[in-house]
C-alpha cells in the first residue's frame, strides 16, 4: 500500500536503510519478496 506514495519496494527498502542509519547510527539488512518466507531468506543473504 505504500508503493504509490513512496515508490517501488527497492526505493522503499533504500529509504528505510538510509533513515535507520541517519537517525540511529545503526545499519540493517533488507530482504524483499512476494512472501514472508522469501523476504526473510533474502535478508539473510543480504547481510
ModelCIF file with pLDDT and N, C-alpha, C, O atoms, coordinates in Angstrom:
data_MODEL
#
_entry.id   MODEL 
#
_entity.id                         1 
_entity.type                       polymer 
_entity.pdbx_number_of_molecules   1 
#
_entity_poly.entity_id                      1 
_entity_poly.type                           'polypeptide(L)' 
_entity_poly.nstd_linkage                   no 
_entity_poly.nstd_monomer                   no 
_entity_poly.pdbx_seq_one_letter_code       
;(UNK)(UNK)(UNK)(UNK)(UNK)(UNK)(UNK)(UNK)(UNK)(UNK)(UNK)(UNK)(UNK)(UNK)(UNK)(UNK)
(UNK)(UNK)(UNK)(UNK)(UNK)(UNK)(UNK)(UNK)(UNK)(UNK)(UNK)(UNK)(UNK)(UNK)(UNK)(UNK)
(UNK)(UNK)(UNK)(UNK)(UNK)(UNK)(UNK)(UNK)(UNK)(UNK)(UNK)(UNK)(UNK)(UNK)(UNK)
;
_entity_poly.pdbx_seq_one_letter_code_can   XXXXXXXXXXXXXXXXXXXXXXXXXXXXXXXXXXXXXXXXXXXXXXX 
_entity_poly.pdbx_strand_id                 A 
#
loop_
_entity_poly_seq.entity_id 
_entity_poly_seq.num 
_entity_poly_seq.mon_id 
_entity_poly_seq.hetero 
1 1  UNK n 
1 2  UNK n 
1 3  UNK n 
1 4  UNK n 
1 5  UNK n 
1 6  UNK n 
1 7  UNK n 
1 8  UNK n 
1 9  UNK n 
1 10 UNK n 
1 11 UNK n 
1 12 UNK n 
1 13 UNK n 
1 14 UNK n 
1 15 UNK n 
1 16 UNK n 
1 17 UNK n 
1 18 UNK n 
1 19 UNK n 
1 20 UNK n 
1 21 UNK n 
1 22 UNK n 
1 23 UNK n 
1 24 UNK n 
1 25 UNK n 
1 26 UNK n 
1 27 UNK n 
1 28 UNK n 
1 29 UNK n 
1 30 UNK n 
1 31 UNK n 
1 32 UNK n 
1 33 UNK n 
1 34 UNK n 
1 35 UNK n 
1 36 UNK n 
1 37 UNK n 
1 38 UNK n 
1 39 UNK n 
1 40 UNK n 
1 41 UNK n 
1 42 UNK n 
1 43 UNK n 
1 44 UNK n 
1 45 UNK n 
1 46 UNK n 
1 47 UNK n 
#
_struct_asym.id          A 
_struct_asym.entity_id   1 
#
loop_
_ma_qa_metric.id 
_ma_qa_metric.mode 
_ma_qa_metric.name 
_ma_qa_metric.software_group_id 
_ma_qa_metric.type 
1 global pLDDT . pLDDT 
2 local  pLDDT . pLDDT 
#
_ma_qa_metric_global.metric_id      1 
_ma_qa_metric_global.metric_value   95.06 
_ma_qa_metric_global.model_id       1 
_ma_qa_metric_global.ordinal_id     1 
#
loop_
_ma_qa_metric_local.label_asym_id 
_ma_qa_metric_local.label_comp_id 
_ma_qa_metric_local.label_seq_id 
_ma_qa_metric_local.metric_id 
_ma_qa_metric_local.metric_value 
_ma_qa_metric_local.model_id 
_ma_qa_metric_local.ordinal_id 
A UNK 1  2 90.00 1 1  
A UNK 2  2 91.00 1 2  
A UNK 3  2 90.00 1 3  
A UNK 4  2 88.00 1 4  
A UNK 5  2 90.00 1 5  
A UNK 6  2 93.00 1 6  
A UNK 7  2 94.00 1 7  
A UNK 8  2 94.00 1 8  
A UNK 9  2 94.00 1 9  
A UNK 10 2 95.00 1 10 
A UNK 11 2 96.00 1 11 
A UNK 12 2 96.00 1 12 
A UNK 13 2 96.00 1 13 
A UNK 14 2 97.00 1 14 
A UNK 15 2 96.00 1 15 
A UNK 16 2 97.00 1 16 
A UNK 17 2 97.00 1 17 
A UNK 18 2 97.00 1 18 
A UNK 19 2 97.00 1 19 
A UNK 20 2 97.00 1 20 
A UNK 21 2 97.00 1 21 
A UNK 22 2 96.00 1 22 
A UNK 23 2 96.00 1 23 
A UNK 24 2 97.00 1 24 
A UNK 25 2 96.00 1 25 
A UNK 26 2 97.00 1 26 
A UNK 27 2 97.00 1 27 
A UNK 28 2 97.00 1 28 
A UNK 29 2 97.00 1 29 
A UNK 30 2 98.00 1 30 
A UNK 31 2 97.00 1 31 
A UNK 32 2 97.00 1 32 
A UNK 33 2 96.00 1 33 
A UNK 34 2 94.00 1 34 
A UNK 35 2 95.00 1 35 
A UNK 36 2 95.00 1 36 
A UNK 37 2 94.00 1 37 
A UNK 38 2 95.00 1 38 
A UNK 39 2 96.00 1 39 
A UNK 40 2 95.00 1 40 
A UNK 41 2 94.00 1 41 
A UNK 42 2 96.00 1 42 
A UNK 43 2 96.00 1 43 
A UNK 44 2 93.00 1 44 
A UNK 45 2 93.00 1 45 
A UNK 46 2 95.00 1 46 
A UNK 47 2 94.00 1 47 
#
loop_
_atom_site.group_PDB 
_atom_site.id 
_atom_site.type_symbol 
_atom_site.label_atom_id 
_atom_site.label_alt_id 
_atom_site.label_comp_id 
_atom_site.label_asym_id 
_atom_site.label_entity_id 
_atom_site.label_seq_id 
_atom_site.pdbx_PDB_ins_code 
_atom_site.Cartn_x 
_atom_site.Cartn_y 
_atom_site.Cartn_z 
_atom_site.occupancy 
_atom_site.B_iso_or_equiv 
_atom_site.pdbx_formal_charge 
_atom_site.auth_seq_id 
_atom_site.auth_comp_id 
_atom_site.auth_asym_id 
_atom_site.auth_atom_id 
_atom_site.pdbx_PDB_model_num 
ATOM 1   N N  . UNK A 1 1  ? 0.795  -1.221  0.000  1.00 90.00 ? 1  UNK A N  1 
ATOM 2   C CA . UNK A 1 1  ? 0.000  0.000   0.000  1.00 90.00 ? 1  UNK A CA 1 
ATOM 3   C C  . UNK A 1 1  ? 0.827  1.269   0.000  1.00 90.00 ? 1  UNK A C  1 
ATOM 4   O O  . UNK A 1 1  ? 0.286  2.357   -0.199 1.00 90.00 ? 1  UNK A O  1 
ATOM 5   N N  . UNK A 1 2  ? 2.135  1.151   0.221  1.00 91.00 ? 2  UNK A N  1 
ATOM 6   C CA . UNK A 1 2  ? 2.997  2.337   0.270  1.00 91.00 ? 2  UNK A CA 1 
ATOM 7   C C  . UNK A 1 2  ? 3.657  2.633   -1.069 1.00 91.00 ? 2  UNK A C  1 
ATOM 8   O O  . UNK A 1 2  ? 4.349  3.642   -1.210 1.00 91.00 ? 2  UNK A O  1 
ATOM 9   N N  . UNK A 1 3  ? 3.452  1.772   -2.042 1.00 90.00 ? 3  UNK A N  1 
ATOM 10  C CA . UNK A 1 3  ? 4.177  1.918   -3.305 1.00 90.00 ? 3  UNK A CA 1 
ATOM 11  C C  . UNK A 1 3  ? 3.756  3.186   -4.058 1.00 90.00 ? 3  UNK A C  1 
ATOM 12  O O  . UNK A 1 3  ? 4.602  3.865   -4.639 1.00 90.00 ? 3  UNK A O  1 
ATOM 13  N N  . UNK A 1 4  ? 2.458  3.510   -4.054 1.00 88.00 ? 4  UNK A N  1 
ATOM 14  C CA . UNK A 1 4  ? 2.010  4.686   -4.793 1.00 88.00 ? 4  UNK A CA 1 
ATOM 15  C C  . UNK A 1 4  ? 2.610  5.960   -4.206 1.00 88.00 ? 4  UNK A C  1 
ATOM 16  O O  . UNK A 1 4  ? 2.944  6.887   -4.945 1.00 88.00 ? 4  UNK A O  1 
ATOM 17  N N  . UNK A 1 5  ? 2.745  6.010   -2.889 1.00 90.00 ? 5  UNK A N  1 
ATOM 18  C CA . UNK A 1 5  ? 3.259  7.211   -2.237 1.00 90.00 ? 5  UNK A CA 1 
ATOM 19  C C  . UNK A 1 5  ? 4.778  7.273   -2.247 1.00 90.00 ? 5  UNK A C  1 
ATOM 20  O O  . UNK A 1 5  ? 5.352  8.339   -2.468 1.00 90.00 ? 5  UNK A O  1 
ATOM 21  N N  . UNK A 1 6  ? 5.439  6.137   -2.009 1.00 93.00 ? 6  UNK A N  1 
ATOM 22  C CA . UNK A 1 6  ? 6.889  6.154   -1.807 1.00 93.00 ? 6  UNK A CA 1 
ATOM 23  C C  . UNK A 1 6  ? 7.694  5.580   -2.955 1.00 93.00 ? 6  UNK A C  1 
ATOM 24  O O  . UNK A 1 6  ? 8.873  5.903   -3.101 1.00 93.00 ? 6  UNK A O  1 
ATOM 25  N N  . UNK A 1 7  ? 7.081  4.733   -3.775 1.00 94.00 ? 7  UNK A N  1 
ATOM 26  C CA . UNK A 1 7  ? 7.813  4.162   -4.895 1.00 94.00 ? 7  UNK A CA 1 
ATOM 27  C C  . UNK A 1 7  ? 7.904  2.654   -4.819 1.00 94.00 ? 7  UNK A C  1 
ATOM 28  O O  . UNK A 1 7  ? 7.172  2.015   -4.063 1.00 94.00 ? 7  UNK A O  1 
ATOM 29  N N  . UNK A 1 8  ? 8.791  2.095   -5.594 1.00 94.00 ? 8  UNK A N  1 
ATOM 30  C CA . UNK A 1 8  ? 8.939  0.644   -5.685 1.00 94.00 ? 8  UNK A CA 1 
ATOM 31  C C  . UNK A 1 8  ? 9.509  0.074   -4.387 1.00 94.00 ? 8  UNK A C  1 
ATOM 32  O O  . UNK A 1 8  ? 10.043 0.822   -3.567 1.00 94.00 ? 8  UNK A O  1 
ATOM 33  N N  . UNK A 1 9  ? 9.402  -1.249  -4.190 1.00 94.00 ? 9  UNK A N  1 
ATOM 34  C CA . UNK A 1 9  ? 9.993  -1.860  -2.986 1.00 94.00 ? 9  UNK A CA 1 
ATOM 35  C C  . UNK A 1 9  ? 11.476 -1.555  -2.826 1.00 94.00 ? 9  UNK A C  1 
ATOM 36  O O  . UNK A 1 9  ? 11.952 -1.380  -1.704 1.00 94.00 ? 9  UNK A O  1 
ATOM 37  N N  . UNK A 1 10 ? 12.209 -1.487  -3.927 1.00 95.00 ? 10 UNK A N  1 
ATOM 38  C CA . UNK A 1 10 ? 13.637 -1.181  -3.814 1.00 95.00 ? 10 UNK A CA 1 
ATOM 39  C C  . UNK A 1 10 ? 13.850 0.247   -3.319 1.00 95.00 ? 10 UNK A C  1 
ATOM 40  O O  . UNK A 1 10 ? 14.765 0.505   -2.536 1.00 95.00 ? 10 UNK A O  1 
ATOM 41  N N  . UNK A 1 11 ? 13.021 1.160   -3.766 1.00 96.00 ? 11 UNK A N  1 
ATOM 42  C CA . UNK A 1 11 ? 13.109 2.550   -3.300 1.00 96.00 ? 11 UNK A CA 1 
ATOM 43  C C  . UNK A 1 11 ? 12.756 2.617   -1.814 1.00 96.00 ? 11 UNK A C  1 
ATOM 44  O O  . UNK A 1 11 ? 13.418 3.306   -1.038 1.00 96.00 ? 11 UNK A O  1 
ATOM 45  N N  . UNK A 1 12 ? 11.705 1.891   -1.430 1.00 96.00 ? 12 UNK A N  1 
ATOM 46  C CA . UNK A 1 12 ? 11.290 1.890   -0.023 1.00 96.00 ? 12 UNK A CA 1 
ATOM 47  C C  . UNK A 1 12 ? 12.369 1.257   0.851  1.00 96.00 ? 12 UNK A C  1 
ATOM 48  O O  . UNK A 1 12 ? 12.687 1.772   1.923  1.00 96.00 ? 12 UNK A O  1 
ATOM 49  N N  . UNK A 1 13 ? 12.927 0.145   0.393  1.00 96.00 ? 13 UNK A N  1 
ATOM 50  C CA . UNK A 1 13 ? 13.984 -0.510  1.161  1.00 96.00 ? 13 UNK A CA 1 
ATOM 51  C C  . UNK A 1 13 ? 15.185 0.399   1.344  1.00 96.00 ? 13 UNK A C  1 
ATOM 52  O O  . UNK A 1 13 ? 15.754 0.468   2.434  1.00 96.00 ? 13 UNK A O  1 
ATOM 53  N N  . UNK A 1 14 ? 15.573 1.093   0.291  1.00 97.00 ? 14 UNK A N  1 
ATOM 54  C CA . UNK A 1 14 ? 16.711 2.021   0.386  1.00 97.00 ? 14 UNK A CA 1 
ATOM 55  C C  . UNK A 1 14 ? 16.396 3.176   1.321  1.00 97.00 ? 14 UNK A C  1 
ATOM 56  O O  . UNK A 1 14 ? 17.258 3.630   2.074  1.00 97.00 ? 14 UNK A O  1 
ATOM 57  N N  . UNK A 1 15 ? 15.150 3.651   1.269  1.00 96.00 ? 15 UNK A N  1 
ATOM 58  C CA . UNK A 1 15 ? 14.737 4.735   2.151  1.00 96.00 ? 15 UNK A CA 1 
ATOM 59  C C  . UNK A 1 15 ? 14.837 4.315   3.618  1.00 96.00 ? 15 UNK A C  1 
ATOM 60  O O  . UNK A 1 15 ? 15.344 5.067   4.450  1.00 96.00 ? 15 UNK A O  1 
ATOM 61  N N  . UNK A 1 16 ? 14.358 3.126   3.924  1.00 97.00 ? 16 UNK A N  1 
ATOM 62  C CA . UNK A 1 16 ? 14.411 2.636   5.298  1.00 97.00 ? 16 UNK A CA 1 
ATOM 63  C C  . UNK A 1 16 ? 15.859 2.521   5.764  1.00 97.00 ? 16 UNK A C  1 
ATOM 64  O O  . UNK A 1 16 ? 16.184 2.939   6.876  1.00 97.00 ? 16 UNK A O  1 
ATOM 65  N N  . UNK A 1 17 ? 16.720 1.967   4.940  1.00 97.00 ? 17 UNK A N  1 
ATOM 66  C CA . UNK A 1 17 ? 18.126 1.797   5.321  1.00 97.00 ? 17 UNK A CA 1 
ATOM 67  C C  . UNK A 1 17 ? 18.784 3.143   5.585  1.00 97.00 ? 17 UNK A C  1 
ATOM 68  O O  . UNK A 1 17 ? 19.534 3.288   6.549  1.00 97.00 ? 17 UNK A O  1 
ATOM 69  N N  . UNK A 1 18 ? 18.510 4.122   4.740  1.00 97.00 ? 18 UNK A N  1 
ATOM 70  C CA . UNK A 1 18 ? 19.106 5.448   4.934  1.00 97.00 ? 18 UNK A CA 1 
ATOM 71  C C  . UNK A 1 18 ? 18.607 6.087   6.223  1.00 97.00 ? 18 UNK A C  1 
ATOM 72  O O  . UNK A 1 18 ? 19.388 6.658   6.984  1.00 97.00 ? 18 UNK A O  1 
ATOM 73  N N  . UNK A 1 19 ? 17.301 5.988   6.465  1.00 97.00 ? 19 UNK A N  1 
ATOM 74  C CA . UNK A 1 19 ? 16.747 6.616   7.663  1.00 97.00 ? 19 UNK A CA 1 
ATOM 75  C C  . UNK A 1 19 ? 17.264 5.949   8.931  1.00 97.00 ? 19 UNK A C  1 
ATOM 76  O O  . UNK A 1 19 ? 17.608 6.632   9.895  1.00 97.00 ? 19 UNK A O  1 
ATOM 77  N N  . UNK A 1 20 ? 17.322 4.627   8.936  1.00 97.00 ? 20 UNK A N  1 
ATOM 78  C CA . UNK A 1 20 ? 17.803 3.925   10.120 1.00 97.00 ? 20 UNK A CA 1 
ATOM 79  C C  . UNK A 1 20 ? 19.229 4.358   10.452 1.00 97.00 ? 20 UNK A C  1 
ATOM 80  O O  . UNK A 1 20 ? 19.544 4.618   11.613 1.00 97.00 ? 20 UNK A O  1 
ATOM 81  N N  . UNK A 1 21 ? 20.087 4.435   9.442  1.00 97.00 ? 21 UNK A N  1 
ATOM 82  C CA . UNK A 1 21 ? 21.475 4.823   9.702  1.00 97.00 ? 21 UNK A CA 1 
ATOM 83  C C  . UNK A 1 21 ? 21.582 6.285   10.105 1.00 97.00 ? 21 UNK A C  1 
ATOM 84  O O  . UNK A 1 21 ? 22.352 6.627   11.003 1.00 97.00 ? 21 UNK A O  1 
ATOM 85  N N  . UNK A 1 22 ? 20.811 7.157   9.444  1.00 96.00 ? 22 UNK A N  1 
ATOM 86  C CA . UNK A 1 22 ? 20.893 8.586   9.736  1.00 96.00 ? 22 UNK A CA 1 
ATOM 87  C C  . UNK A 1 22 ? 20.348 8.910   11.127 1.00 96.00 ? 22 UNK A C  1 
ATOM 88  O O  . UNK A 1 22 ? 20.878 9.785   11.810 1.00 96.00 ? 22 UNK A O  1 
ATOM 89  N N  . UNK A 1 23 ? 19.297 8.214   11.547 1.00 96.00 ? 23 UNK A N  1 
ATOM 90  C CA . UNK A 1 23 ? 18.627 8.566   12.794 1.00 96.00 ? 23 UNK A CA 1 
ATOM 91  C C  . UNK A 1 23 ? 19.089 7.767   14.006 1.00 96.00 ? 23 UNK A C  1 
ATOM 92  O O  . UNK A 1 23 ? 18.827 8.156   15.144 1.00 96.00 ? 23 UNK A O  1 
ATOM 93  N N  . UNK A 1 24 ? 19.778 6.646   13.767 1.00 97.00 ? 24 UNK A N  1 
ATOM 94  C CA . UNK A 1 24 ? 20.236 5.839   14.903 1.00 97.00 ? 24 UNK A CA 1 
ATOM 95  C C  . UNK A 1 24 ? 21.723 5.538   14.878 1.00 97.00 ? 24 UNK A C  1 
ATOM 96  O O  . UNK A 1 24 ? 22.300 5.183   15.906 1.00 97.00 ? 24 UNK A O  1 
ATOM 97  N N  . UNK A 1 25 ? 22.358 5.676   13.706 1.00 96.00 ? 25 UNK A N  1 
ATOM 98  C CA . UNK A 1 25 ? 23.762 5.299   13.592 1.00 96.00 ? 25 UNK A CA 1 
ATOM 99  C C  . UNK A 1 25 ? 23.965 3.821   13.379 1.00 96.00 ? 25 UNK A C  1 
ATOM 100 O O  . UNK A 1 25 ? 25.103 3.353   13.365 1.00 96.00 ? 25 UNK A O  1 
ATOM 101 N N  . UNK A 1 26 ? 22.882 3.065   13.212 1.00 97.00 ? 26 UNK A N  1 
ATOM 102 C CA . UNK A 1 26 ? 22.942 1.608   13.039 1.00 97.00 ? 26 UNK A CA 1 
ATOM 103 C C  . UNK A 1 26 ? 22.669 1.241   11.591 1.00 97.00 ? 26 UNK A C  1 
ATOM 104 O O  . UNK A 1 26 ? 22.120 2.038   10.830 1.00 97.00 ? 26 UNK A O  1 
ATOM 105 N N  . UNK A 1 27 ? 23.056 0.028   11.217 1.00 97.00 ? 27 UNK A N  1 
ATOM 106 C CA . UNK A 1 27 ? 22.778 -0.463  9.871  1.00 97.00 ? 27 UNK A CA 1 
ATOM 107 C C  . UNK A 1 27 ? 21.830 -1.651  9.936  1.00 97.00 ? 27 UNK A C  1 
ATOM 108 O O  . UNK A 1 27 ? 21.723 -2.326  10.959 1.00 97.00 ? 27 UNK A O  1 
ATOM 109 N N  . UNK A 1 28 ? 21.148 -1.889  8.829  1.00 97.00 ? 28 UNK A N  1 
ATOM 110 C CA . UNK A 1 28 ? 20.220 -3.011  8.756  1.00 97.00 ? 28 UNK A CA 1 
ATOM 111 C C  . UNK A 1 28 ? 20.317 -3.645  7.373  1.00 97.00 ? 28 UNK A C  1 
ATOM 112 O O  . UNK A 1 28 ? 20.804 -3.037  6.421  1.00 97.00 ? 28 UNK A O  1 
ATOM 113 N N  . UNK A 1 29 ? 19.843 -4.870  7.294  1.00 97.00 ? 29 UNK A N  1 
ATOM 114 C CA . UNK A 1 29 ? 19.779 -5.583  6.024  1.00 97.00 ? 29 UNK A CA 1 
ATOM 115 C C  . UNK A 1 29 ? 18.323 -5.786  5.645  1.00 97.00 ? 29 UNK A C  1 
ATOM 116 O O  . UNK A 1 29 ? 17.484 -6.083  6.495  1.00 97.00 ? 29 UNK A O  1 
ATOM 117 N N  . UNK A 1 30 ? 18.030 -5.622  4.356  1.00 98.00 ? 30 UNK A N  1 
ATOM 118 C CA . UNK A 1 30 ? 16.662 -5.674  3.869  1.00 98.00 ? 30 UNK A CA 1 
ATOM 119 C C  . UNK A 1 30 ? 16.513 -6.773  2.834  1.00 98.00 ? 30 UNK A C  1 
ATOM 120 O O  . UNK A 1 30 ? 17.304 -6.871  1.896  1.00 98.00 ? 30 UNK A O  1 
ATOM 121 N N  . UNK A 1 31 ? 15.497 -7.594  3.012  1.00 97.00 ? 31 UNK A N  1 
ATOM 122 C CA . UNK A 1 31 ? 15.144 -8.591  2.018  1.00 97.00 ? 31 UNK A CA 1 
ATOM 123 C C  . UNK A 1 31 ? 13.720 -8.357  1.561  1.00 97.00 ? 31 UNK A C  1 
ATOM 124 O O  . UNK A 1 31 ? 12.866 -7.966  2.357  1.00 97.00 ? 31 UNK A O  1 
ATOM 125 N N  . UNK A 1 32 ? 13.457 -8.590  0.298  1.00 97.00 ? 32 UNK A N  1 
ATOM 126 C CA . UNK A 1 32 ? 12.117 -8.389  -0.227 1.00 97.00 ? 32 UNK A CA 1 
ATOM 127 C C  . UNK A 1 32 ? 11.685 -9.554  -1.087 1.00 97.00 ? 32 UNK A C  1 
ATOM 128 O O  . UNK A 1 32 ? 12.505 -10.178 -1.760 1.00 97.00 ? 32 UNK A O  1 
ATOM 129 N N  . UNK A 1 33 ? 10.400 -9.846  -1.063 1.00 96.00 ? 33 UNK A N  1 
ATOM 130 C CA . UNK A 1 33 ? 9.873  -10.929 -1.874 1.00 96.00 ? 33 UNK A CA 1 
ATOM 131 C C  . UNK A 1 33 ? 8.364  -10.905 -1.860 1.00 96.00 ? 33 UNK A C  1 
ATOM 132 O O  . UNK A 1 33 ? 7.743  -10.083 -1.186 1.00 96.00 ? 33 UNK A O  1 
ATOM 133 N N  . UNK A 1 34 ? 7.783  -11.818 -2.614 1.00 94.00 ? 34 UNK A N  1 
ATOM 134 C CA . UNK A 1 34 ? 6.323  -11.884 -2.695 1.00 94.00 ? 34 UNK A CA 1 
ATOM 135 C C  . UNK A 1 34 ? 5.708  -12.492 -1.448 1.00 94.00 ? 34 UNK A C  1 
ATOM 136 O O  . UNK A 1 34 ? 4.507  -12.346 -1.221 1.00 94.00 ? 34 UNK A O  1 
ATOM 137 N N  . UNK A 1 35 ? 6.518  -13.179 -0.625 1.00 95.00 ? 35 UNK A N  1 
ATOM 138 C CA . UNK A 1 35 ? 6.016  -13.820 0.592  1.00 95.00 ? 35 UNK A CA 1 
ATOM 139 C C  . UNK A 1 35 ? 6.950  -13.517 1.756  1.00 95.00 ? 35 UNK A C  1 
ATOM 140 O O  . UNK A 1 35 ? 8.081  -13.070 1.568  1.00 95.00 ? 35 UNK A O  1 
ATOM 141 N N  . UNK A 1 36 ? 6.455  -13.769 2.953  1.00 95.00 ? 36 UNK A N  1 
ATOM 142 C CA . UNK A 1 36 ? 7.277  -13.592 4.149  1.00 95.00 ? 36 UNK A CA 1 
ATOM 143 C C  . UNK A 1 36 ? 8.534  -14.460 4.087  1.00 95.00 ? 36 UNK A C  1 
ATOM 144 O O  . UNK A 1 36 ? 9.639  -14.001 4.377  1.00 95.00 ? 36 UNK A O  1 
ATOM 145 N N  . UNK A 1 37 ? 8.343  -15.700 3.711  1.00 94.00 ? 37 UNK A N  1 
ATOM 146 C CA . UNK A 1 37 ? 9.462  -16.639 3.702  1.00 94.00 ? 37 UNK A CA 1 
ATOM 147 C C  . UNK A 1 37 ? 10.575 -16.174 2.775  1.00 94.00 ? 37 UNK A C  1 
ATOM 148 O O  . UNK A 1 37 ? 11.745 -16.197 3.157  1.00 94.00 ? 37 UNK A O  1 
ATOM 149 N N  . UNK A 1 38 ? 10.233 -15.757 1.578  1.00 95.00 ? 38 UNK A N  1 
ATOM 150 C CA . UNK A 1 38 ? 11.242 -15.314 0.623  1.00 95.00 ? 38 UNK A CA 1 
ATOM 151 C C  . UNK A 1 38 ? 11.913 -14.032 1.109  1.00 95.00 ? 38 UNK A C  1 
ATOM 152 O O  . UNK A 1 38 ? 13.122 -13.867 0.951  1.00 95.00 ? 38 UNK A O  1 
ATOM 153 N N  . UNK A 1 39 ? 11.130 -13.117 1.703  1.00 96.00 ? 39 UNK A N  1 
ATOM 154 C CA . UNK A 1 39 ? 11.709 -11.872 2.210  1.00 96.00 ? 39 UNK A CA 1 
ATOM 155 C C  . UNK A 1 39 ? 12.736 -12.148 3.295  1.00 96.00 ? 39 UNK A C  1 
ATOM 156 O O  . UNK A 1 39 ? 13.805 -11.537 3.315  1.00 96.00 ? 39 UNK A O  1 
ATOM 157 N N  . UNK A 1 40 ? 12.416 -13.062 4.192  1.00 95.00 ? 40 UNK A N  1 
ATOM 158 C CA . UNK A 1 40 ? 13.351 -13.372 5.267  1.00 95.00 ? 40 UNK A CA 1 
ATOM 159 C C  . UNK A 1 40 ? 14.589 -14.080 4.731  1.00 95.00 ? 40 UNK A C  1 
ATOM 160 O O  . UNK A 1 40 ? 15.703 -13.806 5.177  1.00 95.00 ? 40 UNK A O  1 
ATOM 161 N N  . UNK A 1 41 ? 14.403 -14.979 3.789  1.00 94.00 ? 41 UNK A N  1 
ATOM 162 C CA . UNK A 1 41 ? 15.556 -15.640 3.172  1.00 94.00 ? 41 UNK A CA 1 
ATOM 163 C C  . UNK A 1 41 ? 16.457 -14.610 2.502  1.00 94.00 ? 41 UNK A C  1 
ATOM 164 O O  . UNK A 1 41 ? 17.682 -14.690 2.596  1.00 94.00 ? 41 UNK A O  1 
ATOM 165 N N  . UNK A 1 42 ? 15.850 -13.652 1.832  1.00 96.00 ? 42 UNK A N  1 
ATOM 166 C CA . UNK A 1 42 ? 16.618 -12.648 1.101  1.00 96.00 ? 42 UNK A CA 1 
ATOM 167 C C  . UNK A 1 42 ? 17.405 -11.751 2.049  1.00 96.00 ? 42 UNK A C  1 
ATOM 168 O O  . UNK A 1 42 ? 18.550 -11.410 1.755  1.00 96.00 ? 42 UNK A O  1 
ATOM 169 N N  . UNK A 1 43 ? 16.821 -11.362 3.174  1.00 96.00 ? 43 UNK A N  1 
ATOM 170 C CA . UNK A 1 43 ? 17.543 -10.502 4.112  1.00 96.00 ? 43 UNK A CA 1 
ATOM 171 C C  . UNK A 1 43 ? 18.750 -11.231 4.692  1.00 96.00 ? 43 UNK A C  1 
ATOM 172 O O  . UNK A 1 43 ? 19.791 -10.623 4.938  1.00 96.00 ? 43 UNK A O  1 
ATOM 173 N N  . UNK A 1 44 ? 18.605 -12.525 4.908  1.00 93.00 ? 44 UNK A N  1 
ATOM 174 C CA . UNK A 1 44 ? 19.742 -13.308 5.392  1.00 93.00 ? 44 UNK A CA 1 
ATOM 175 C C  . UNK A 1 44 ? 20.878 -13.337 4.386  1.00 93.00 ? 44 UNK A C  1 
ATOM 176 O O  . UNK A 1 44 ? 22.050 -13.279 4.759  1.00 93.00 ? 44 UNK A O  1 
ATOM 177 N N  . UNK A 1 45 ? 20.527 -13.428 3.105  1.00 93.00 ? 45 UNK A N  1 
ATOM 178 C CA . UNK A 1 45 ? 21.552 -13.428 2.058  1.00 93.00 ? 45 UNK A CA 1 
ATOM 179 C C  . UNK A 1 45 ? 22.172 -12.042 1.885  1.00 93.00 ? 45 UNK A C  1 
ATOM 180 O O  . UNK A 1 45 ? 23.286 -11.925 1.374  1.00 93.00 ? 45 UNK A O  1 
ATOM 181 N N  . UNK A 1 46 ? 21.459 -10.984 2.309  1.00 95.00 ? 46 UNK A N  1 
ATOM 182 C CA . UNK A 1 46 ? 21.941 -9.612  2.116  1.00 95.00 ? 46 UNK A CA 1 
ATOM 183 C C  . UNK A 1 46 ? 22.871 -9.159  3.236  1.00 95.00 ? 46 UNK A C  1 
ATOM 184 O O  . UNK A 1 46 ? 23.501 -8.109  3.112  1.00 95.00 ? 46 UNK A O  1 
ATOM 185 N N  . UNK A 1 47 ? 22.976 -9.906  4.309  1.00 94.00 ? 47 UNK A N  1 
ATOM 186 C CA . UNK A 1 47 ? 23.778 -9.476  5.451  1.00 94.00 ? 47 UNK A CA 1 
ATOM 187 C C  . UNK A 1 47 ? 25.271 -9.514  5.164  1.00 94.00 ? 47 UNK A C  1 
ATOM 188 O O  . UNK A 1 47 ? 26.076 -9.178  6.032  1.00 94.00 ? 47 UNK A O  1 
#
